[in-house]
Amino acid sequence: QVQLVESGGGLVQAGRSLRLSCAASGLTFSRAAMGWFRQAPGKEREFVAAINWSGGSTEYADSVKGRFFISRDAATNTVYLYLQMNSLKPEDTAIYYCASKLGTWAGVTASEYKYWGQGTQVTIFS
C-alpha cells in the first residue's frame, strides 16, 4: 500500500522557521522524484519545490527561492522528504502536500505527480 504521510506543520509567527517531513513507503520511491505543493484557501494548488531521485537536482518556485530548501533521505523501505522553511511569511499559509511522480527528474507541475499525501496545515501569523 502506497503511503505518503506529512508532518511538521503548525502555527508560527512570521519570520520564524518550520521543517516539514514526509515519509513515503509502499513503492520504490528511491528512484522517484518528489515534490512539495501547497494550496491556500480559495486558490489552486501550486508548486513549491521538487527534488530528483538522487537529491542532486532541485527546483523551487520563485516565491520561495532562497527561503525554502528541499532534501531527501532514505531508510529501509521508506524515503523521507523534507522541506526546511525559513523566513516564513503570512502568504506562505496553506496546506502543504508531499507528492511523488513516476520518473527520476524533478517536475514542477501537479499533473506530473501520481502519489499524494493528505497534507499538513501551515499557518503563519504576523
PDB file of N, CA and C in Angstrom:
ATOM      1  N   GLN A   1       0.840  -1.182   0.000  1.00  0.00           N
ATOM      2  CA  GLN A   1       0.000   0.000   0.000  1.00  0.00           C
ATOM      3  C   GLN A   1       0.884   1.244   0.000  1.00  0.00           C
ATOM      4  N   VAL A   2       0.649   2.115  -0.973  1.00  0.00           N
ATOM      5  CA  VAL A   2       1.433   3.336  -1.078  1.00  0.00           C
ATOM      6  C   VAL A   2       0.972   4.329  -0.023  1.00  0.00           C
ATOM      7  N   GLN A   3       1.926   4.877   0.699  1.00  0.00           N
ATOM      8  CA  GLN A   3       1.600   5.872   1.721  1.00  0.00           C
ATOM      9  C   GLN A   3       2.590   7.016   1.688  1.00  0.00           C
ATOM     10  N   LEU A   4       2.086   8.228   1.699  1.00  0.00           N
ATOM     11  CA  LEU A   4       2.890   9.418   1.885  1.00  0.00           C
ATOM     12  C   LEU A   4       2.262  10.153   3.062  1.00  0.00           C
ATOM     13  N   VAL A   5       3.030  10.329   4.113  1.00  0.00           N
ATOM     14  CA  VAL A   5       2.488  10.915   5.336  1.00  0.00           C
ATOM     15  C   VAL A   5       3.320  12.132   5.722  1.00  0.00           C
ATOM     16  N   GLU A   6       2.676  13.289   5.691  1.00  0.00           N
ATOM     17  CA  GLU A   6       3.370  14.528   6.048  1.00  0.00           C
ATOM     18  C   GLU A   6       3.245  14.813   7.543  1.00  0.00           C
ATOM     19  N   SER A   7       4.199  15.568   8.042  1.00  0.00           N
ATOM     20  CA  SER A   7       4.149  16.032   9.430  1.00  0.00           C
ATOM     21  C   SER A   7       4.971  17.305   9.541  1.00  0.00           C
ATOM     22  N   GLY A   8       4.814  18.000  10.661  1.00  0.00           N
ATOM     23  CA  GLY A   8       5.637  19.168  10.916  1.00  0.00           C
ATOM     24  C   GLY A   8       4.956  20.505  10.739  1.00  0.00           C
ATOM     25  N   GLY A   9       3.720  20.496  10.271  1.00  0.00           N
ATOM     26  CA  GLY A   9       3.019  21.759  10.109  1.00  0.00           C
ATOM     27  C   GLY A   9       2.680  22.371  11.456  1.00  0.00           C
ATOM     28  N   GLY A  10       2.197  23.606  11.431  1.00  0.00           N
ATOM     29  CA  GLY A  10       1.823  24.252  12.672  1.00  0.00           C
ATOM     30  C   GLY A  10       1.530  25.713  12.497  1.00  0.00           C
ATOM     31  N   LEU A  11       1.389  26.398  13.631  1.00  0.00           N
ATOM     32  CA  LEU A  11       1.091  27.827  13.685  1.00  0.00           C
ATOM     33  C   LEU A  11       2.326  28.536  14.204  1.00  0.00           C
ATOM     34  N   VAL A  12       2.910  29.394  13.360  1.00  0.00           N
ATOM     35  CA  VAL A  12       4.122  30.096  13.770  1.00  0.00           C
ATOM     36  C   VAL A  12       4.058  31.555  13.345  1.00  0.00           C
ATOM     37  N   GLN A  13       4.861  32.358  14.013  1.00  0.00           N
ATOM     38  CA  GLN A  13       4.916  33.781  13.716  1.00  0.00           C
ATOM     39  C   GLN A  13       5.771  34.030  12.476  1.00  0.00           C
ATOM     40  N   ALA A  14       5.443  35.055  11.748  1.00  0.00           N
ATOM     41  CA  ALA A  14       6.220  35.438  10.579  1.00  0.00           C
ATOM     42  C   ALA A  14       7.688  35.655  10.964  1.00  0.00           C
ATOM     43  N   GLY A  15       8.561  35.217  10.056  1.00  0.00           N
ATOM     44  CA  GLY A  15       9.983  35.341  10.301  1.00  0.00           C
ATOM     45  C   GLY A  15      10.617  34.101  10.910  1.00  0.00           C
ATOM     46  N   ARG A  16       9.772  33.224  11.451  1.00  0.00           N
ATOM     47  CA  ARG A  16      10.294  32.010  12.062  1.00  0.00           C
ATOM     48  C   ARG A  16      10.446  30.915  11.008  1.00  0.00           C
ATOM     49  N   SER A  17      10.844  29.726  11.469  1.00  0.00           N
ATOM     50  CA  SER A  17      11.100  28.598  10.581  1.00  0.00           C
ATOM     51  C   SER A  17      10.251  27.390  10.962  1.00  0.00           C
ATOM     52  N   LEU A  18      10.025  26.543   9.977  1.00  0.00           N
ATOM     53  CA  LEU A  18       9.376  25.252  10.184  1.00  0.00           C
ATOM     54  C   LEU A  18      10.047  24.240   9.289  1.00  0.00           C
ATOM     55  N   ARG A  19      10.021  22.998   9.715  1.00  0.00           N
ATOM     56  CA  ARG A  19      10.536  21.924   8.880  1.00  0.00           C
ATOM     57  C   ARG A  19       9.448  20.883   8.686  1.00  0.00           C
ATOM     58  N   LEU A  20       9.063  20.689   7.446  1.00  0.00           N
ATOM     59  CA  LEU A  20       8.080  19.659   7.112  1.00  0.00           C
ATOM     60  C   LEU A  20       8.790  18.359   6.754  1.00  0.00           C
ATOM     61  N   SER A  21       8.154  17.263   7.099  1.00  0.00           N
ATOM     62  CA  SER A  21       8.678  15.946   6.765  1.00  0.00           C
ATOM     63  C   SER A  21       7.603  15.141   6.054  1.00  0.00           C
ATOM     64  N   CYS A  22       8.034  14.209   5.235  1.00  0.00           N
ATOM     65  CA  CYS A  22       7.122  13.299   4.546  1.00  0.00           C
ATOM     66  C   CYS A  22       7.777  11.925   4.507  1.00  0.00           C
ATOM     67  N   ALA A  23       7.059  10.924   4.959  1.00  0.00           N
ATOM     68  CA  ALA A  23       7.536   9.543   4.907  1.00  0.00           C
ATOM     69  C   ALA A  23       6.789   8.823   3.804  1.00  0.00           C
ATOM     70  N   ALA A  24       7.518   8.325   2.802  1.00  0.00           N
ATOM     71  CA  ALA A  24       6.918   7.655   1.653  1.00  0.00           C
ATOM     72  C   ALA A  24       7.293   6.182   1.674  1.00  0.00           C
ATOM     73  N   SER A  25       6.290   5.331   1.616  1.00  0.00           N
ATOM     74  CA  SER A  25       6.544   3.894   1.646  1.00  0.00           C
ATOM     75  C   SER A  25       5.549   3.179   0.737  1.00  0.00           C
ATOM     76  N   GLY A  26       5.846   1.936   0.420  1.00  0.00           N
ATOM     77  CA  GLY A  26       4.935   1.126  -0.372  1.00  0.00           C
ATOM     78  C   GLY A  26       5.322   0.981  -1.819  1.00  0.00           C
ATOM     79  N   LEU A  27       6.282   1.758  -2.268  1.00  0.00           N
ATOM     80  CA  LEU A  27       6.801   1.646  -3.627  1.00  0.00           C
ATOM     81  C   LEU A  27       8.294   1.915  -3.574  1.00  0.00           C
ATOM     82  N   THR A  28       8.924   1.765  -4.717  1.00  0.00           N
ATOM     83  CA  THR A  28      10.357   2.054  -4.785  1.00  0.00           C
ATOM     84  C   THR A  28      10.552   3.548  -5.003  1.00  0.00           C
ATOM     85  N   PHE A  29      10.307   4.320  -3.949  1.00  0.00           N
ATOM     86  CA  PHE A  29      10.426   5.765  -4.058  1.00  0.00           C
ATOM     87  C   PHE A  29      11.864   6.217  -4.193  1.00  0.00           C
ATOM     88  N   SER A  30      12.803   5.327  -3.932  1.00  0.00           N
ATOM     89  CA  SER A  30      14.204   5.729  -4.011  1.00  0.00           C
ATOM     90  C   SER A  30      14.604   6.126  -5.429  1.00  0.00           C
ATOM     91  N   ARG A  31      13.840   5.671  -6.436  1.00  0.00           N
ATOM     92  CA  ARG A  31      14.137   6.029  -7.814  1.00  0.00           C
ATOM     93  C   ARG A  31      13.145   7.037  -8.381  1.00  0.00           C
ATOM     94  N   ALA A  32      12.357   7.641  -7.531  1.00  0.00           N
ATOM     95  CA  ALA A  32      11.314   8.565  -7.970  1.00  0.00           C
ATOM     96  C   ALA A  32      11.630   9.983  -7.521  1.00  0.00           C
ATOM     97  N   ALA A  33      11.341  10.938  -8.393  1.00  0.00           N
ATOM     98  CA  ALA A  33      11.428  12.334  -7.994  1.00  0.00           C
ATOM     99  C   ALA A  33      10.262  12.648  -7.054  1.00  0.00           C
ATOM    100  N   MET A  34      10.453  13.643  -6.207  1.00  0.00           N
ATOM    101  CA  MET A  34       9.415  14.008  -5.244  1.00  0.00           C
ATOM    102  C   MET A  34       9.309  15.513  -5.147  1.00  0.00           C
ATOM    103  N   GLY A  35       8.184  15.969  -4.626  1.00  0.00           N
ATOM    104  CA  GLY A  35       7.992  17.408  -4.556  1.00  0.00           C
ATOM    105  C   GLY A  35       7.044  17.827  -3.453  1.00  0.00           C
ATOM    106  N   TRP A  36       7.024  19.119  -3.217  1.00  0.00           N
ATOM    107  CA  TRP A  36       6.091  19.749  -2.289  1.00  0.00           C
ATOM    108  C   TRP A  36       5.211  20.726  -3.063  1.00  0.00           C
ATOM    109  N   PHE A  37       3.941  20.683  -2.764  1.00  0.00           N
ATOM    110  CA  PHE A  37       2.978  21.618  -3.321  1.00  0.00           C
ATOM    111  C   PHE A  37       2.193  22.209  -2.160  1.00  0.00           C
ATOM    112  N   ARG A  38       1.501  23.312  -2.412  1.00  0.00           N
ATOM    113  CA  ARG A  38       0.674  23.900  -1.368  1.00  0.00           C
ATOM    114  C   ARG A  38      -0.607  24.466  -1.960  1.00  0.00           C
ATOM    115  N   GLN A  39      -1.614  24.552  -1.107  1.00  0.00           N
ATOM    116  CA  GLN A  39      -2.888  25.104  -1.540  1.00  0.00           C
ATOM    117  C   GLN A  39      -3.455  25.981  -0.433  1.00  0.00           C
ATOM    118  N   ALA A  40      -3.612  27.240  -0.755  1.00  0.00           N
ATOM    119  CA  ALA A  40      -4.193  28.203   0.171  1.00  0.00           C
ATOM    120  C   ALA A  40      -5.706  28.255  -0.052  1.00  0.00           C
ATOM    121  N   PRO A  41      -6.461  28.699   0.938  1.00  0.00           N
ATOM    122  CA  PRO A  41      -7.923  28.769   0.786  1.00  0.00           C
ATOM    123  C   PRO A  41      -8.324  29.603  -0.417  1.00  0.00           C
ATOM    124  N   GLY A  42      -9.197  29.050  -1.256  1.00  0.00           N
ATOM    125  CA  GLY A  42      -9.682  29.767  -2.417  1.00  0.00           C
ATOM    126  C   GLY A  42      -8.723  29.840  -3.577  1.00  0.00           C
ATOM    127  N   LYS A  43      -7.591  29.163  -3.469  1.00  0.00           N
ATOM    128  CA  LYS A  43      -6.591  29.203  -4.539  1.00  0.00           C
ATOM    129  C   LYS A  43      -6.311  27.805  -5.054  1.00  0.00           C
ATOM    130  N   GLU A  44      -5.719  27.750  -6.228  1.00  0.00           N
ATOM    131  CA  GLU A  44      -5.352  26.461  -6.800  1.00  0.00           C
ATOM    132  C   GLU A  44      -4.065  25.934  -6.141  1.00  0.00           C
ATOM    133  N   ARG A  45      -3.896  24.637  -6.228  1.00  0.00           N
ATOM    134  CA  ARG A  45      -2.677  24.033  -5.717  1.00  0.00           C
ATOM    135  C   ARG A  45      -1.491  24.539  -6.539  1.00  0.00           C
ATOM    136  N   GLU A  46      -0.402  24.907  -5.874  1.00  0.00           N
ATOM    137  CA  GLU A  46       0.750  25.433  -6.571  1.00  0.00           C
ATOM    138  C   GLU A  46       2.028  24.706  -6.185  1.00  0.00           C
ATOM    139  N   PHE A  47       2.939  24.713  -7.103  1.00  0.00           N
ATOM    140  CA  PHE A  47       4.249  24.089  -6.916  1.00  0.00           C
ATOM    141  C   PHE A  47       5.066  24.888  -5.910  1.00  0.00           C
ATOM    142  N   VAL A  48       5.791  24.179  -5.050  1.00  0.00           N
ATOM    143  CA  VAL A  48       6.694  24.816  -4.097  1.00  0.00           C
ATOM    144  C   VAL A  48       8.142  24.426  -4.383  1.00  0.00           C
ATOM    145  N   ALA A  49       8.419  23.127  -4.381  1.00  0.00           N
ATOM    146  CA  ALA A  49       9.788  22.659  -4.567  1.00  0.00           C
ATOM    147  C   ALA A  49       9.767  21.208  -5.017  1.00  0.00           C
ATOM    148  N   ALA A  50      10.817  20.798  -5.718  1.00  0.00           N
ATOM    149  CA  ALA A  50      10.933  19.419  -6.170  1.00  0.00           C
ATOM    150  C   ALA A  50      12.391  18.997  -6.144  1.00  0.00           C
ATOM    151  N   ILE A  51      12.588  17.691  -6.069  1.00  0.00           N
ATOM    152  CA  ILE A  51      13.942  17.141  -5.998  1.00  0.00           C
ATOM    153  C   ILE A  51      13.990  15.865  -6.822  1.00  0.00           C
ATOM    154  N   ASN A  52      15.081  15.642  -7.526  1.00  0.00           N
ATOM    155  CA  ASN A  52      15.168  14.441  -8.347  1.00  0.00           C
ATOM    156  C   ASN A  52      15.476  13.221  -7.477  1.00  0.00           C
ATOM    157  N   TRP A  53      15.567  12.081  -8.114  1.00  0.00           N
ATOM    158  CA  TRP A  53      15.663  10.842  -7.346  1.00  0.00           C
ATOM    159  C   TRP A  53      16.911  10.765  -6.481  1.00  0.00           C
ATOM    160  N   SER A  54      17.998  11.350  -6.927  1.00  0.00           N
ATOM    161  CA  SER A  54      19.261  11.236  -6.200  1.00  0.00           C
ATOM    162  C   SER A  54      19.463  12.371  -5.194  1.00  0.00           C
ATOM    163  N   GLY A  55      18.655  13.425  -5.316  1.00  0.00           N
ATOM    164  CA  GLY A  55      18.875  14.587  -4.468  1.00  0.00           C
ATOM    165  C   GLY A  55      19.852  15.580  -5.060  1.00  0.00           C
ATOM    166  N   GLY A  56      20.350  15.294  -6.237  1.00  0.00           N
ATOM    167  CA  GLY A  56      21.355  16.142  -6.839  1.00  0.00           C
ATOM    168  C   GLY A  56      20.816  17.322  -7.624  1.00  0.00           C
ATOM    169  N   SER A  57      19.517  17.348  -7.839  1.00  0.00           N
ATOM    170  CA  SER A  57      18.906  18.432  -8.612  1.00  0.00           C
ATOM    171  C   SER A  57      17.615  18.869  -7.944  1.00  0.00           C
ATOM    172  N   THR A  58      17.448  20.171  -7.801  1.00  0.00           N
ATOM    173  CA  THR A  58      16.254  20.705  -7.156  1.00  0.00           C
ATOM    174  C   THR A  58      15.648  21.831  -7.979  1.00  0.00           C
ATOM    175  N   GLU A  59      14.364  22.068  -7.756  1.00  0.00           N
ATOM    176  CA  GLU A  59      13.639  23.155  -8.394  1.00  0.00           C
ATOM    177  C   GLU A  59      12.819  23.866  -7.322  1.00  0.00           C
ATOM    178  N   TYR A  60      12.681  25.186  -7.461  1.00  0.00           N
ATOM    179  CA  TYR A  60      11.907  25.959  -6.493  1.00  0.00           C
ATOM    180  C   TYR A  60      11.016  26.962  -7.200  1.00  0.00           C
ATOM    181  N   ALA A  61       9.868  27.213  -6.602  1.00  0.00           N
ATOM    182  CA  ALA A  61       9.040  28.315  -7.067  1.00  0.00           C
ATOM    183  C   ALA A  61       9.752  29.627  -6.734  1.00  0.00           C
ATOM    184  N   ASP A  62       9.564  30.626  -7.563  1.00  0.00           N
ATOM    185  CA  ASP A  62      10.222  31.911  -7.327  1.00  0.00           C
ATOM    186  C   ASP A  62       9.851  32.501  -5.964  1.00  0.00           C
ATOM    187  N   SER A  63       8.632  32.249  -5.530  1.00  0.00           N
ATOM    188  CA  SER A  63       8.148  32.840  -4.282  1.00  0.00           C
ATOM    189  C   SER A  63       8.853  32.293  -3.042  1.00  0.00           C
ATOM    190  N   VAL A  64       9.514  31.141  -3.174  1.00  0.00           N
ATOM    191  CA  VAL A  64      10.172  30.537  -2.004  1.00  0.00           C
ATOM    192  C   VAL A  64      11.670  30.406  -2.173  1.00  0.00           C
ATOM    193  N   LYS A  65      12.166  30.751  -3.344  1.00  0.00           N
ATOM    194  CA  LYS A  65      13.596  30.584  -3.626  1.00  0.00           C
ATOM    195  C   LYS A  65      14.429  31.380  -2.633  1.00  0.00           C
ATOM    196  N   GLY A  66      15.423  30.706  -2.052  1.00  0.00           N
ATOM    197  CA  GLY A  66      16.286  31.354  -1.076  1.00  0.00           C
ATOM    198  C   GLY A  66      15.769  31.271   0.347  1.00  0.00           C
ATOM    199  N   ARG A  67      14.503  30.869   0.511  1.00  0.00           N
ATOM    200  CA  ARG A  67      13.935  30.729   1.864  1.00  0.00           C
ATOM    201  C   ARG A  67      13.619  29.274   2.208  1.00  0.00           C
ATOM    202  N   PHE A  68      13.201  28.503   1.213  1.00  0.00           N
ATOM    203  CA  PHE A  68      12.835  27.105   1.419  1.00  0.00           C
ATOM    204  C   PHE A  68      13.907  26.206   0.809  1.00  0.00           C
ATOM    205  N   PHE A  69      14.103  25.050   1.451  1.00  0.00           N
ATOM    206  CA  PHE A  69      15.111  24.109   0.963  1.00  0.00           C
ATOM    207  C   PHE A  69      14.563  22.689   1.059  1.00  0.00           C
ATOM    208  N   ILE A  70      14.601  21.983  -0.050  1.00  0.00           N
ATOM    209  CA  ILE A  70      14.081  20.621  -0.113  1.00  0.00           C
ATOM    210  C   ILE A  70      15.237  19.640  -0.039  1.00  0.00           C
ATOM    211  N   SER A  71      15.012  18.523   0.632  1.00  0.00           N
ATOM    212  CA  SER A  71      16.028  17.482   0.715  1.00  0.00           C
ATOM    213  C   SER A  71      15.332  16.141   0.896  1.00  0.00           C
ATOM    214  N   ARG A  72      16.106  15.078   0.730  1.00  0.00           N
ATOM    215  CA  ARG A  72      15.544  13.743   0.862  1.00  0.00           C
ATOM    216  C   ARG A  72      16.564  12.812   1.492  1.00  0.00           C
ATOM    217  N   ASP A  73      16.050  11.763   2.085  1.00  0.00           N
ATOM    218  CA  ASP A  73      16.885  10.758   2.719  1.00  0.00           C
ATOM    219  C   ASP A  73      16.163   9.425   2.563  1.00  0.00           C
ATOM    220  N   ALA A  74      16.861   8.336   2.816  1.00  0.00           N
ATOM    221  CA  ALA A  74      16.240   7.036   2.637  1.00  0.00           C
ATOM    222  C   ALA A  74      16.643   6.088   3.748  1.00  0.00           C
ATOM    223  N   ALA A  75      15.697   5.266   4.129  1.00  0.00           N
ATOM    224  CA  ALA A  75      15.950   4.183   5.061  1.00  0.00           C
ATOM    225  C   ALA A  75      15.350   2.926   4.429  1.00  0.00           C
ATOM    226  N   THR A  76      15.430   1.843   5.079  1.00  0.00           N
ATOM    227  CA  THR A  76      14.894   0.596   4.546  1.00  0.00           C
ATOM    228  C   THR A  76      13.406   0.752   4.264  1.00  0.00           C
ATOM    229  N   ASN A  77      13.024   0.618   2.979  1.00  0.00           N
ATOM    230  CA  ASN A  77      11.622   0.626   2.536  1.00  0.00           C
ATOM    231  C   ASN A  77      10.921   1.973   2.665  1.00  0.00           C
ATOM    232  N   THR A  78      11.616   3.006   3.104  1.00  0.00           N
ATOM    233  CA  THR A  78      10.971   4.304   3.273  1.00  0.00           C
ATOM    234  C   THR A  78      11.895   5.410   2.773  1.00  0.00           C
ATOM    235  N   VAL A  79      11.317   6.347   2.041  1.00  0.00           N
ATOM    236  CA  VAL A  79      12.048   7.542   1.626  1.00  0.00           C
ATOM    237  C   VAL A  79      11.478   8.720   2.404  1.00  0.00           C
ATOM    238  N   TYR A  80      12.349   9.565   2.907  1.00  0.00           N
ATOM    239  CA  TYR A  80      11.930  10.733   3.665  1.00  0.00           C
ATOM    240  C   TYR A  80      12.199  11.985   2.845  1.00  0.00           C
ATOM    241  N   LEU A  81      11.204  12.820   2.778  1.00  0.00           N
ATOM    242  CA  LEU A  81      11.315  14.089   2.075  1.00  0.00           C
ATOM    243  C   LEU A  81      11.143  15.203   3.096  1.00  0.00           C
ATOM    244  N   TYR A  82      11.965  16.251   2.965  1.00  0.00           N
ATOM    245  CA  TYR A  82      11.914  17.358   3.919  1.00  0.00           C
ATOM    246  C   TYR A  82      11.755  18.688   3.180  1.00  0.00           C
ATOM    247  N   LEU A  83      11.172  19.627   3.888  1.00  0.00           N
ATOM    248  CA  LEU A  83      11.102  20.999   3.392  1.00  0.00           C
ATOM    249  C   LEU A  83      11.439  21.919   4.560  1.00  0.00           C
ATOM    250  N   GLN A  84      12.629  22.498   4.517  1.00  0.00           N
ATOM    251  CA  GLN A  84      13.035  23.474   5.518  1.00  0.00           C
ATOM    252  C   GLN A  84      12.531  24.836   5.063  1.00  0.00           C
ATOM    253  N   MET A  85      11.681  25.436   5.868  1.00  0.00           N
ATOM    254  CA  MET A  85      11.067  26.718   5.506  1.00  0.00           C
ATOM    255  C   MET A  85      11.554  27.789   6.463  1.00  0.00           C
ATOM    256  N   ASN A  86      12.270  28.760   5.944  1.00  0.00           N
ATOM    257  CA  ASN A  86      12.821  29.849   6.738  1.00  0.00           C
ATOM    258  C   ASN A  86      12.163  31.170   6.360  1.00  0.00           C
ATOM    259  N   SER A  87      12.315  32.158   7.241  1.00  0.00           N
ATOM    260  CA  SER A  87      11.778  33.497   6.974  1.00  0.00           C
ATOM    261  C   SER A  87      10.337  33.428   6.493  1.00  0.00           C
ATOM    262  N   LEU A  88       9.533  32.719   7.229  1.00  0.00           N
ATOM    263  CA  LEU A  88       8.156  32.483   6.800  1.00  0.00           C
ATOM    264  C   LEU A  88       7.343  33.771   6.773  1.00  0.00           C
ATOM    265  N   LYS A  89       6.423  33.829   5.823  1.00  0.00           N
ATOM    266  CA  LYS A  89       5.568  34.995   5.621  1.00  0.00           C
ATOM    267  C   LYS A  89       4.097  34.566   5.732  1.00  0.00           C
ATOM    268  N   PRO A  90       3.209  35.495   6.065  1.00  0.00           N
ATOM    269  CA  PRO A  90       1.786  35.134   6.112  1.00  0.00           C
ATOM    270  C   PRO A  90       1.283  34.522   4.807  1.00  0.00           C
ATOM    271  N   GLU A  91       1.833  34.944   3.675  1.00  0.00           N
ATOM    272  CA  GLU A  91       1.387  34.401   2.395  1.00  0.00           C
ATOM    273  C   GLU A  91       1.853  32.966   2.164  1.00  0.00           C
ATOM    274  N   ASP A  92       2.676  32.438   3.055  1.00  0.00           N
ATOM    275  CA  ASP A  92       3.046  31.011   2.985  1.00  0.00           C
ATOM    276  C   ASP A  92       1.986  30.120   3.621  1.00  0.00           C
ATOM    277  N   THR A  93       0.981  30.728   4.231  1.00  0.00           N
ATOM    278  CA  THR A  93      -0.088  29.952   4.858  1.00  0.00           C
ATOM    279  C   THR A  93      -0.818  29.113   3.820  1.00  0.00           C
ATOM    280  N   ALA A  94      -0.882  27.809   4.072  1.00  0.00           N
ATOM    281  CA  ALA A  94      -1.511  26.883   3.128  1.00  0.00           C
ATOM    282  C   ALA A  94      -1.466  25.475   3.710  1.00  0.00           C
ATOM    283  N   ILE A  95      -2.141  24.574   3.033  1.00  0.00           N
ATOM    284  CA  ILE A  95      -1.936  23.148   3.294  1.00  0.00           C
ATOM    285  C   ILE A  95      -0.805  22.702   2.375  1.00  0.00           C
ATOM    286  N   TYR A  96       0.177  22.053   2.940  1.00  0.00           N
ATOM    287  CA  TYR A  96       1.346  21.603   2.185  1.00  0.00           C
ATOM    288  C   TYR A  96       1.243  20.098   1.937  1.00  0.00           C
ATOM    289  N   TYR A  97       1.445  19.729   0.681  1.00  0.00           N
ATOM    290  CA  TYR A  97       1.323  18.344   0.254  1.00  0.00           C
ATOM    291  C   TYR A  97       2.663  17.810  -0.251  1.00  0.00           C
ATOM    292  N   CYS A  98       2.954  16.609   0.143  1.00  0.00           N
ATOM    293  CA  CYS A  98       4.089  15.849  -0.381  1.00  0.00           C
ATOM    294  C   CYS A  98       3.590  15.002  -1.553  1.00  0.00           C
ATOM    295  N   ALA A  99       4.394  14.873  -2.594  1.00  0.00           N
ATOM    296  CA  ALA A  99       3.966  14.103  -3.756  1.00  0.00           C
ATOM    297  C   ALA A  99       5.149  13.391  -4.389  1.00  0.00           C
ATOM    298  N   SER A 100       4.835  12.301  -5.074  1.00  0.00           N
ATOM    299  CA  SER A 100       5.870  11.551  -5.784  1.00  0.00           C
ATOM    300  C   SER A 100       5.411  11.287  -7.211  1.00  0.00           C
ATOM    301  N   LYS A 101       6.336  11.316  -8.128  1.00  0.00           N
ATOM    302  CA  LYS A 101       5.997  11.131  -9.536  1.00  0.00           C
ATOM    303  C   LYS A 101       6.753   9.948 -10.111  1.00  0.00           C
ATOM    304  N   LEU A 102       6.228   9.425 -11.183  1.00  0.00           N
ATOM    305  CA  LEU A 102       6.960   8.409 -11.920  1.00  0.00           C
ATOM    306  C   LEU A 102       8.093   9.098 -12.660  1.00  0.00           C
ATOM    307  N   GLY A 103       9.227   8.492 -12.725  1.00  0.00           N
ATOM    308  CA  GLY A 103      10.366   9.133 -13.369  1.00  0.00           C
ATOM    309  C   GLY A 103      11.304   9.741 -12.351  1.00  0.00           C
ATOM    310  N   THR A 104      12.512   9.979 -12.777  1.00  0.00           N
ATOM    311  CA  THR A 104      13.570  10.377 -11.854  1.00  0.00           C
ATOM    312  C   THR A 104      13.841  11.881 -11.816  1.00  0.00           C
ATOM    313  N   TRP A 105      13.305  12.638 -12.773  1.00  0.00           N
ATOM    314  CA  TRP A 105      13.616  14.076 -12.822  1.00  0.00           C
ATOM    315  C   TRP A 105      12.579  14.875 -12.050  1.00  0.00           C
ATOM    316  N   ALA A 106      12.998  16.020 -11.544  1.00  0.00           N
ATOM    317  CA  ALA A 106      12.125  16.849 -10.713  1.00  0.00           C
ATOM    318  C   ALA A 106      11.134  17.615 -11.573  1.00  0.00           C
ATOM    319  N   GLY A 107       9.853  17.369 -11.372  1.00  0.00           N
ATOM    320  CA  GLY A 107       8.815  18.053 -12.137  1.00  0.00           C
ATOM    321  C   GLY A 107       8.223  19.205 -11.355  1.00  0.00           C
ATOM    322  N   VAL A 108       7.646  20.192 -12.054  1.00  0.00           N
ATOM    323  CA  VAL A 108       7.130  21.385 -11.398  1.00  0.00           C
ATOM    324  C   VAL A 108       5.628  21.549 -11.557  1.00  0.00           C
ATOM    325  N   THR A 109       4.955  20.600 -12.182  1.00  0.00           N
ATOM    326  CA  THR A 109       3.512  20.707 -12.332  1.00  0.00           C
ATOM    327  C   THR A 109       2.821  19.553 -11.612  1.00  0.00           C
ATOM    328  N   ALA A 110       1.688  19.851 -10.990  1.00  0.00           N
ATOM    329  CA  ALA A 110       0.980  18.857 -10.194  1.00  0.00           C
ATOM    330  C   ALA A 110       0.556  17.652 -11.024  1.00  0.00           C
ATOM    331  N   SER A 111       0.240  17.874 -12.268  1.00  0.00           N
ATOM    332  CA  SER A 111      -0.243  16.779 -13.109  1.00  0.00           C
ATOM    333  C   SER A 111       0.807  15.701 -13.335  1.00  0.00           C
ATOM    334  N   GLU A 112       2.070  16.016 -13.116  1.00  0.00           N
ATOM    335  CA  GLU A 112       3.135  15.030 -13.281  1.00  0.00           C
ATOM    336  C   GLU A 112       3.198  14.042 -12.122  1.00  0.00           C
ATOM    337  N   TYR A 113       2.575  14.379 -11.006  1.00  0.00           N
ATOM    338  CA  TYR A 113       2.714  13.602  -9.779  1.00  0.00           C
ATOM    339  C   TYR A 113       1.547  12.652  -9.595  1.00  0.00           C
ATOM    340  N   LYS A 114       1.894  11.416  -9.253  1.00  0.00           N
ATOM    341  CA  LYS A 114       0.876  10.372  -9.165  1.00  0.00           C
ATOM    342  C   LYS A 114       0.423  10.097  -7.739  1.00  0.00           C
ATOM    343  N   TYR A 115       1.330  10.180  -6.796  1.00  0.00           N
ATOM    344  CA  TYR A 115       1.003   9.834  -5.412  1.00  0.00           C
ATOM    345  C   TYR A 115       1.078  11.081  -4.535  1.00  0.00           C
ATOM    346  N   TRP A 116       0.094  11.212  -3.664  1.00  0.00           N
ATOM    347  CA  TRP A 116      -0.016  12.400  -2.827  1.00  0.00           C
ATOM    348  C   TRP A 116      -0.282  12.040  -1.371  1.00  0.00           C
ATOM    349  N   GLY A 117       0.240  12.863  -0.477  1.00  0.00           N
ATOM    350  CA  GLY A 117      -0.094  12.725   0.928  1.00  0.00           C
ATOM    351  C   GLY A 117      -1.381  13.453   1.241  1.00  0.00           C
ATOM    352  N   GLN A 118      -1.753  13.425   2.509  1.00  0.00           N
ATOM    353  CA  GLN A 118      -3.018  14.024   2.923  1.00  0.00           C
ATOM    354  C   GLN A 118      -2.873  15.512   3.243  1.00  0.00           C
ATOM    355  N   GLY A 119      -1.656  15.972   3.362  1.00  0.00           N
ATOM    356  CA  GLY A 119      -1.410  17.391   3.616  1.00  0.00           C
ATOM    357  C   GLY A 119      -1.209  17.716   5.078  1.00  0.00           C
ATOM    358  N   THR A 120      -0.473  18.798   5.314  1.00  0.00           N
ATOM    359  CA  THR A 120      -0.268  19.307   6.664  1.00  0.00           C
ATOM    360  C   THR A 120      -0.448  20.821   6.639  1.00  0.00           C
ATOM    361  N   GLN A 121      -1.173  21.342   7.615  1.00  0.00           N
ATOM    362  CA  GLN A 121      -1.501  22.754   7.630  1.00  0.00           C
ATOM    363  C   GLN A 121      -0.350  23.584   8.173  1.00  0.00           C
ATOM    364  N   VAL A 122      -0.028  24.638   7.447  1.00  0.00           N
ATOM    365  CA  VAL A 122       0.962  25.626   7.892  1.00  0.00           C
ATOM    366  C   VAL A 122       0.265  26.978   7.949  1.00  0.00           C
ATOM    367  N   THR A 123       0.294  27.598   9.119  1.00  0.00           N
ATOM    368  CA  THR A 123      -0.342  28.900   9.302  1.00  0.00           C
ATOM    369  C   THR A 123       0.673  29.869   9.869  1.00  0.00           C
ATOM    370  N   ILE A 124       0.859  30.979   9.168  1.00  0.00           N
ATOM    371  CA  ILE A 124       1.832  31.991   9.578  1.00  0.00           C
ATOM    372  C   ILE A 124       1.077  33.260   9.949  1.00  0.00           C
ATOM    373  N   PHE A 125       1.323  33.766  11.151  1.00  0.00           N
ATOM    374  CA  PHE A 125       0.666  34.992  11.582  1.00  0.00           C
ATOM    375  C   PHE A 125       1.712  36.091  11.768  1.00  0.00           C
ATOM    376  N   SER A 126       1.264  37.318  11.536  1.00  0.00           N
ATOM    377  CA  SER A 126       2.182  38.460  11.642  1.00  0.00           C
ATOM    378  C   SER A 126       2.095  39.129  13.003  1.00  0.00           C
TER     379      SER A 126
END
